Amino acid sequence: MKRRNLLKLLGLAGVASTAPAIAMPQARGRKPIVLYCDLAIDPAREAEMLDHFHKRFRPAAESFRGRGFLDLKMLKIRTVIQGQPAPANGINYRFQLTYESEEQRQVWVKSDLHQKVWPLIEDTVTNKDYLVLLTDAV
């Protein structure tokens, strides 16, 4: 099937109309914020943390889609390929949360739902003084 015909077919099926919704912040001239937390997860509790993340935290966060939530990732650090300083000793995960704006993220942070599900993750961290970076997409 030729590409042009495929695009027409997708347009008729309504698939193409979902693309603008994904790029919504940029379409309005706004760029999202991305929050990073470098976490030292207790190796003995790693499976517990991942279970909480996938079964409780992620669904709770995704329920804020349409209210600023864009993306969420829990990344396991494999190795430092280049540069210094390396993550602090024991840091084995990077949490990444993307929101349309910091104001909308704050609504999520202050919600009863967040107050209920974040401690499930944080309780598996060996050092509660973890690095938190708030960044702006540019």
Protein backbone atom coordinates (compact mmCIF):
# COMPACT_ATOMS: atom_id res chain seq x y z
CA MET A 1 0.00 0.00 0.00
CA LYS A 2 1.35 3.41 -0.90
CA ARG A 3 2.13 5.79 1.94
CA ARG A 4 -0.35 8.42 0.74
CA ASN A 5 -3.18 5.87 0.69
CA LEU A 6 -2.19 4.65 4.16
CA LEU A 7 -2.31 8.21 5.52
CA LYS A 8 -5.75 8.75 3.96
CA LEU A 9 -6.96 5.49 5.50
CA LEU A 10 -5.60 6.48 8.93
CA GLY A 11 -7.28 9.87 8.60
CA LEU A 12 -10.63 8.26 7.82
CA ALA A 13 -10.20 5.94 10.80
CA GLY A 14 -9.53 8.91 13.07
CA VAL A 15 -6.06 7.73 14.02
CA ALA A 16 -4.33 10.81 12.65
CA SER A 17 -6.50 13.06 14.81
CA THR A 18 -4.80 11.77 17.97
CA ALA A 19 -1.39 13.21 17.04
CA PRO A 20 -2.21 16.87 17.92
CA ALA A 21 -3.36 15.84 21.40
CA ILE A 22 0.01 14.31 22.14
CA ALA A 23 1.88 17.48 21.17
CA MET A 24 -0.58 19.80 22.91
CA PRO A 25 1.84 21.78 25.15
CA GLN A 26 4.08 22.70 22.24
CA ALA A 27 1.09 23.52 20.05
CA ARG A 28 0.07 26.24 22.53
CA GLY A 29 3.62 27.59 22.69
CA ARG A 30 4.30 26.02 26.10
CA LYS A 31 6.92 23.44 26.80
CA PRO A 32 6.63 20.80 29.51
CA ILE A 33 8.59 20.40 32.71
CA VAL A 34 10.44 17.21 33.59
CA LEU A 35 11.18 16.19 37.17
CA TYR A 36 13.98 13.73 37.95
CA CYS A 37 14.61 11.93 41.25
CA ASP A 38 17.77 9.89 41.68
CA LEU A 39 16.84 7.08 44.07
CA ALA A 40 18.83 4.55 46.07
CA ILE A 41 16.34 1.69 46.19
CA ASP A 42 17.10 -0.97 48.77
CA PRO A 43 18.14 -3.99 46.64
CA ALA A 44 16.20 -6.29 48.99
CA ARG A 45 13.04 -4.25 48.26
CA GLU A 46 13.53 -3.64 44.53
CA ALA A 47 10.82 -6.09 43.43
CA GLU A 48 8.42 -4.52 45.96
CA MET A 49 9.14 -1.01 44.61
CA LEU A 50 8.63 -2.10 41.01
CA ASP A 51 5.37 -3.82 41.91
CA HIS A 52 4.10 -0.65 43.62
CA PHE A 53 5.28 1.50 40.72
CA HIS A 54 3.59 -0.54 37.99
CA LYS A 55 0.41 -1.56 39.82
CA ARG A 56 -0.34 1.48 42.02
CA PHE A 57 1.75 4.57 41.28
CA ARG A 58 1.65 4.53 37.46
CA PRO A 59 -2.15 4.04 37.22
CA ALA A 60 -2.67 6.79 39.82
CA ALA A 61 -0.40 9.20 37.93
CA GLU A 62 -2.01 8.35 34.60
CA SER A 63 -5.41 9.23 36.05
CA PHE A 64 -4.18 12.85 35.84
CA ARG A 65 -3.92 12.63 32.04
CA GLY A 66 -5.85 15.61 30.73
CA ARG A 67 -4.89 17.53 33.88
CA GLY A 68 -1.27 18.08 32.90
CA PHE A 69 0.22 14.58 33.18
CA LEU A 70 2.24 13.64 30.08
CA ASP A 71 4.67 10.84 30.93
CA LEU A 72 6.22 8.80 33.73
CA LYS A 73 9.23 6.49 33.80
CA MET A 74 11.18 4.52 36.37
CA LEU A 75 14.64 3.90 34.92
CA LYS A 76 17.19 1.44 36.30
CA ILE A 77 20.70 2.84 36.02
CA ARG A 78 22.91 0.39 34.18
CA THR A 79 26.31 2.06 33.91
CA VAL A 80 28.01 5.41 33.54
CA ILE A 81 29.42 5.53 30.04
CA GLN A 82 31.08 8.93 30.18
CA GLY A 83 31.64 11.90 32.47
CA GLN A 84 31.82 12.76 36.12
CA PRO A 85 30.51 12.93 38.70
CA ALA A 86 28.86 9.56 38.63
CA PRO A 87 25.62 9.17 40.59
CA ALA A 88 26.17 8.98 44.34
CA ASN A 89 26.95 5.59 45.82
CA GLY A 90 23.86 3.38 45.93
CA ILE A 91 21.81 5.35 43.38
CA ASN A 92 20.31 2.64 41.22
CA TYR A 93 17.12 4.24 39.80
CA ARG A 94 16.08 7.49 38.16
CA PHE A 95 12.41 8.48 38.40
CA GLN A 96 11.22 10.77 35.59
CA LEU A 97 7.89 12.61 35.54
CA THR A 98 6.74 14.94 32.74
CA TYR A 99 3.94 17.47 33.16
CA GLU A 100 2.61 20.29 31.00
CA SER A 101 3.53 22.78 33.74
CA GLU A 102 4.93 22.96 37.27
CA GLU A 103 1.60 24.35 38.48
CA GLN A 104 -0.21 21.24 37.22
CA ARG A 105 2.42 18.96 38.75
CA GLN A 106 1.86 20.68 42.09
CA VAL A 107 -1.86 19.85 41.88
CA TRP A 108 -0.87 16.18 41.48
CA VAL A 109 1.69 16.35 44.33
CA LYS A 110 -0.87 17.85 46.71
CA SER A 111 -3.62 15.40 45.75
CA ASP A 112 -4.82 12.76 48.20
CA LEU A 113 -4.03 10.12 45.58
CA HIS A 114 -0.36 11.15 45.35
CA GLN A 115 -0.12 11.32 49.15
CA LYS A 116 -1.33 7.72 49.20
CA VAL A 117 0.87 6.19 46.47
CA TRP A 118 4.22 8.04 46.64
CA PRO A 119 5.08 6.65 50.12
CA LEU A 120 4.85 3.14 48.62
CA ILE A 121 7.86 4.05 46.46
CA GLU A 122 9.66 6.29 48.93
CA ASP A 123 9.52 3.67 51.68
CA THR A 124 11.83 1.45 49.60
CA VAL A 125 14.50 4.20 49.33
CA THR A 126 17.53 3.86 51.61
CA ASN A 127 18.28 7.61 51.67
CA LYS A 128 15.35 10.06 51.80
CA ASP A 129 17.68 12.99 50.99
CA TYR A 130 17.63 12.10 47.29
CA LEU A 131 18.42 14.50 44.46
CA VAL A 132 15.35 16.06 42.84
CA LEU A 133 15.84 18.11 39.66
CA LEU A 134 13.09 20.20 38.06
CA THR A 135 13.87 20.97 34.43
CA ASP A 136 12.25 22.91 31.60
CA ALA A 137 12.06 21.45 28.10
CA VAL A 138 13.68 23.94 25.73
